[in-house]
Amino acid sequence: MEICRWSKSNKADEFMNWVWDIIEKYRHNELQPNLEQLTKTLSSITQTLANITNNMVFMQQDISTLKEQQLQKKLPEKKYSRWKTNTFNKLNILLSYVNTHSEETLKLSEIIHLVIQETEDTYNIEINDYVEAYKSEFNLDNNPYAIDVINHYKDIKDIFTLTLDSIMNRLNLSDNTKSVSKNIFDILAEEINNKSTDKAS
């Protein structure tokens, strides 16, 4: 350390005096550490560690929530269903017929319920079993619409359609609401038919 004194710099001398003062105080047990500064530093470190721990707990909770969400199956996306459109057309025809030709005035939901009852009686099944399976599959607390459940499971969708068609046949009702758009084949077929008709004339 004395090599600093050889530099002949005032700063080096000041530094060496300061160092020797500390060493002397240490040897005579006179060195008093600044406990207040040390306490503040420790307190700051403790607070920082507590903040880091809290942040890690929140991050762990977020990760757990994300994992749970990934495990839960999402509800089928609401998109156009030709089957539902056709089924509601038939149900509305049936509703109109019942309300016109009976003393009762029913709502669409009641017509759906009656067709479901007939489906259950005819095929000895319980739609509620499918509702519970649907709720379990998509982790639902509330009851979904019966038509959505029926639309989701092909086997029950087919027998519901058969039942609805059977009821409409019994009442001599037909589904005249089907709108089929013409495509190129229809146009070509019409042209052929028109040419054949013209030649026959």
Protein backbone atom coordinates (compact mmCIF):
# COMPACT_ATOMS: atom_id res chain seq x y z
CA MET A 1 0.00 0.00 0.00
CA GLU A 2 2.89 2.35 0.74
CA ILE A 3 3.61 2.36 -2.97
CA CYS A 4 0.86 5.02 -3.21
CA ARG A 5 3.04 7.40 -1.19
CA TRP A 6 5.83 7.06 -3.76
CA SER A 7 3.61 8.72 -6.31
CA LYS A 8 4.20 12.02 -4.42
CA SER A 9 0.58 12.96 -4.99
CA ASN A 10 -1.41 14.77 -2.32
CA LYS A 11 -4.44 12.60 -3.12
CA ALA A 12 -2.38 9.44 -2.63
CA ASP A 13 -1.22 10.70 0.76
CA GLU A 14 -4.79 11.55 1.78
CA PHE A 15 -5.96 8.13 0.71
CA MET A 16 -3.21 6.33 2.63
CA ASN A 17 -3.90 8.39 5.76
CA TRP A 18 -7.57 7.50 5.51
CA VAL A 19 -6.73 3.79 5.10
CA TRP A 20 -4.39 3.81 8.07
CA ASP A 21 -6.98 5.59 10.19
CA ILE A 22 -9.46 2.83 9.48
CA ILE A 23 -6.89 0.12 10.22
CA GLU A 24 -5.98 1.81 13.52
CA LYS A 25 -9.61 2.12 14.55
CA TYR A 26 -10.16 -1.52 13.66
CA ARG A 27 -7.14 -2.67 15.72
CA HIS A 28 -8.31 -0.70 18.75
CA ASN A 29 -11.90 -1.80 18.34
CA GLU A 30 -13.03 1.75 17.69
CA LEU A 31 -14.50 1.15 14.25
CA GLN A 32 -18.28 1.69 14.38
CA PRO A 33 -20.20 0.50 11.31
CA ASN A 34 -22.98 2.72 9.98
CA LEU A 35 -25.87 0.50 11.06
CA GLU A 36 -28.54 2.90 9.87
CA GLN A 37 -27.32 2.73 6.27
CA LEU A 38 -26.95 -1.05 6.53
CA THR A 39 -30.50 -1.37 7.90
CA LYS A 40 -31.88 0.76 5.06
CA THR A 41 -30.05 -1.35 2.48
CA LEU A 42 -31.28 -4.61 4.02
CA SER A 43 -34.81 -3.24 4.20
CA SER A 44 -34.65 -2.24 0.54
CA ILE A 45 -33.34 -5.69 -0.47
CA THR A 46 -36.08 -7.38 1.58
CA GLN A 47 -38.76 -5.25 -0.07
CA THR A 48 -37.37 -6.00 -3.54
CA LEU A 49 -37.35 -9.74 -2.79
CA ALA A 50 -40.95 -9.54 -1.52
CA ASN A 51 -42.00 -7.76 -4.74
CA ILE A 52 -40.25 -10.37 -6.87
CA THR A 53 -41.94 -13.16 -4.90
CA ASN A 54 -45.37 -11.54 -5.31
CA ASN A 55 -44.80 -11.09 -9.04
CA MET A 56 -43.79 -14.73 -9.35
CA VAL A 57 -46.94 -15.82 -7.49
CA PHE A 58 -49.11 -13.74 -9.86
CA MET A 59 -47.26 -15.15 -12.87
CA GLN A 60 -47.79 -18.69 -11.58
CA GLN A 61 -51.51 -17.99 -11.15
CA ASP A 62 -51.70 -16.60 -14.70
CA ILE A 63 -49.91 -19.67 -16.06
CA SER A 64 -52.29 -21.97 -14.17
CA THR A 65 -55.30 -20.05 -15.51
CA LEU A 66 -53.96 -20.29 -19.07
CA LYS A 67 -53.39 -24.04 -18.68
CA GLU A 68 -56.95 -24.51 -17.42
CA GLN A 69 -58.33 -22.48 -20.33
CA GLN A 70 -56.37 -24.59 -22.80
CA LEU A 71 -57.75 -27.78 -21.26
CA GLN A 72 -61.33 -26.55 -21.48
CA LYS A 73 -62.93 -27.33 -24.81
CA LYS A 74 -64.32 -24.25 -26.50
CA LEU A 75 -67.97 -24.08 -27.49
CA PRO A 76 -68.56 -24.77 -31.14
CA GLU A 77 -68.33 -21.57 -33.11
CA LYS A 78 -71.72 -20.09 -33.95
CA LYS A 79 -71.91 -20.47 -37.69
CA TYR A 80 -74.56 -21.02 -40.30
CA SER A 81 -76.28 -24.39 -40.02
CA ARG A 82 -78.36 -25.53 -42.98
CA TRP A 83 -79.95 -28.16 -40.73
CA LYS A 84 -81.05 -25.55 -38.17
CA THR A 85 -82.44 -23.29 -40.90
CA ASN A 86 -84.44 -26.14 -42.44
CA THR A 87 -85.57 -27.38 -39.04
CA PHE A 88 -86.81 -23.94 -37.95
CA ASN A 89 -88.67 -23.58 -41.26
CA LYS A 90 -90.47 -26.86 -40.58
CA LEU A 91 -91.11 -25.96 -36.93
CA ASN A 92 -92.63 -22.61 -37.93
CA ILE A 93 -94.91 -24.32 -40.47
CA LEU A 94 -95.97 -26.76 -37.75
CA LEU A 95 -96.48 -23.91 -35.26
CA SER A 96 -98.64 -21.98 -37.70
CA TYR A 97 -100.73 -25.06 -38.45
CA VAL A 98 -101.27 -25.94 -34.77
CA ASN A 99 -102.20 -22.37 -33.82
CA THR A 100 -104.59 -22.09 -36.78
CA HIS A 101 -106.30 -25.49 -36.40
CA SER A 102 -106.51 -25.92 -32.63
CA GLU A 103 -107.82 -24.01 -29.65
CA GLU A 104 -104.32 -23.72 -28.22
CA THR A 105 -101.89 -20.95 -28.97
CA LEU A 106 -98.38 -22.30 -28.69
CA LYS A 107 -94.97 -20.67 -28.86
CA LEU A 108 -92.09 -21.99 -30.94
CA SER A 109 -90.30 -23.23 -27.80
CA GLU A 110 -93.38 -25.30 -26.90
CA ILE A 111 -93.51 -26.85 -30.39
CA ILE A 112 -89.82 -27.76 -30.07
CA HIS A 113 -90.53 -29.32 -26.67
CA LEU A 114 -93.43 -31.36 -28.10
CA VAL A 115 -91.28 -32.67 -30.98
CA ILE A 116 -88.52 -33.53 -28.50
CA GLN A 117 -91.05 -35.42 -26.35
CA GLU A 118 -92.25 -37.38 -29.37
CA THR A 119 -88.65 -38.14 -30.34
CA GLU A 120 -87.95 -39.44 -26.83
CA ASP A 121 -91.12 -41.56 -26.81
CA THR A 122 -90.58 -42.96 -30.30
CA TYR A 123 -86.91 -43.84 -29.92
CA ASN A 124 -86.82 -44.45 -26.15
CA ILE A 125 -84.06 -41.91 -25.51
CA GLU A 126 -83.54 -38.97 -23.16
CA ILE A 127 -82.49 -35.66 -24.71
CA ASN A 128 -81.38 -34.56 -21.22
CA ASP A 129 -78.62 -37.20 -21.39
CA TYR A 130 -77.30 -35.43 -24.48
CA VAL A 131 -77.69 -32.03 -22.78
CA GLU A 132 -75.60 -33.26 -19.82
CA ALA A 133 -72.97 -34.74 -22.16
CA TYR A 134 -72.82 -31.42 -24.04
CA LYS A 135 -72.45 -29.45 -20.78
CA SER A 136 -69.69 -31.79 -19.63
CA GLU A 137 -67.92 -31.69 -23.00
CA PHE A 138 -67.84 -27.88 -23.06
CA ASN A 139 -67.63 -27.32 -19.28
CA LEU A 140 -70.90 -25.35 -19.09
CA ASP A 141 -72.83 -24.41 -15.97
CA ASN A 142 -75.99 -23.23 -17.74
CA ASN A 143 -78.28 -25.35 -19.87
CA PRO A 144 -77.66 -24.85 -23.60
CA TYR A 145 -80.47 -24.58 -26.16
CA ALA A 146 -81.84 -28.02 -26.96
CA ILE A 147 -81.61 -27.34 -30.70
CA ASP A 148 -77.88 -26.57 -30.37
CA VAL A 149 -77.35 -29.84 -28.51
CA ILE A 150 -79.36 -31.79 -31.10
CA ASN A 151 -77.43 -30.10 -33.91
CA HIS A 152 -74.12 -31.08 -32.29
CA TYR A 153 -74.77 -34.85 -32.11
CA LYS A 154 -75.43 -36.46 -35.51
CA ASP A 155 -77.33 -39.50 -34.22
CA ILE A 156 -79.90 -37.46 -32.32
CA LYS A 157 -80.06 -34.86 -35.10
CA ASP A 158 -81.10 -37.57 -37.57
CA ILE A 159 -83.82 -39.04 -35.34
CA PHE A 160 -85.16 -35.58 -34.42
CA THR A 161 -85.43 -34.82 -38.15
CA LEU A 162 -87.21 -38.14 -38.78
CA THR A 163 -89.68 -37.39 -35.98
CA LEU A 164 -90.36 -33.86 -37.22
CA ASP A 165 -90.85 -35.10 -40.80
CA SER A 166 -93.15 -37.85 -39.55
CA ILE A 167 -95.34 -35.32 -37.68
CA MET A 168 -95.52 -33.09 -40.75
CA ASN A 169 -96.46 -36.06 -42.97
CA ARG A 170 -99.26 -37.04 -40.55
CA LEU A 171 -100.67 -33.53 -40.86
CA ASN A 172 -100.11 -33.43 -44.64
CA LEU A 173 -97.76 -30.49 -44.29
CA SER A 174 -94.91 -29.89 -46.65
CA ASP A 175 -91.87 -27.72 -46.35
CA ASN A 176 -92.38 -25.36 -49.29
CA THR A 177 -89.86 -22.87 -47.97
CA LYS A 178 -86.85 -24.56 -49.51
CA SER A 179 -85.15 -22.19 -51.91
CA VAL A 180 -82.72 -23.89 -54.23
CA SER A 181 -80.54 -21.53 -56.20
CA LYS A 182 -80.03 -22.34 -59.86
CA ASN A 183 -76.59 -23.37 -60.94
CA ILE A 184 -74.98 -23.93 -64.33
CA PHE A 185 -76.43 -27.44 -64.61
CA ASP A 186 -80.00 -26.17 -64.18
CA ILE A 187 -79.48 -23.50 -66.84
CA LEU A 188 -78.00 -25.99 -69.33
CA ALA A 189 -80.81 -28.48 -68.66
CA GLU A 190 -83.42 -25.77 -69.31
CA GLU A 191 -81.74 -24.88 -72.60
CA ILE A 192 -81.77 -28.54 -73.69
CA ASN A 193 -85.44 -28.87 -72.71
CA ASN A 194 -86.32 -25.67 -74.59
CA LYS A 195 -84.52 -26.88 -77.73
CA SER A 196 -86.30 -30.24 -77.52
CA THR A 197 -89.66 -28.49 -77.15
CA ASP A 198 -88.93 -26.21 -80.12
CA LYS A 199 -88.00 -29.18 -82.35
CA ALA A 200 -91.14 -31.08 -81.35
CA SER A 201 -93.27 -28.12 -82.38
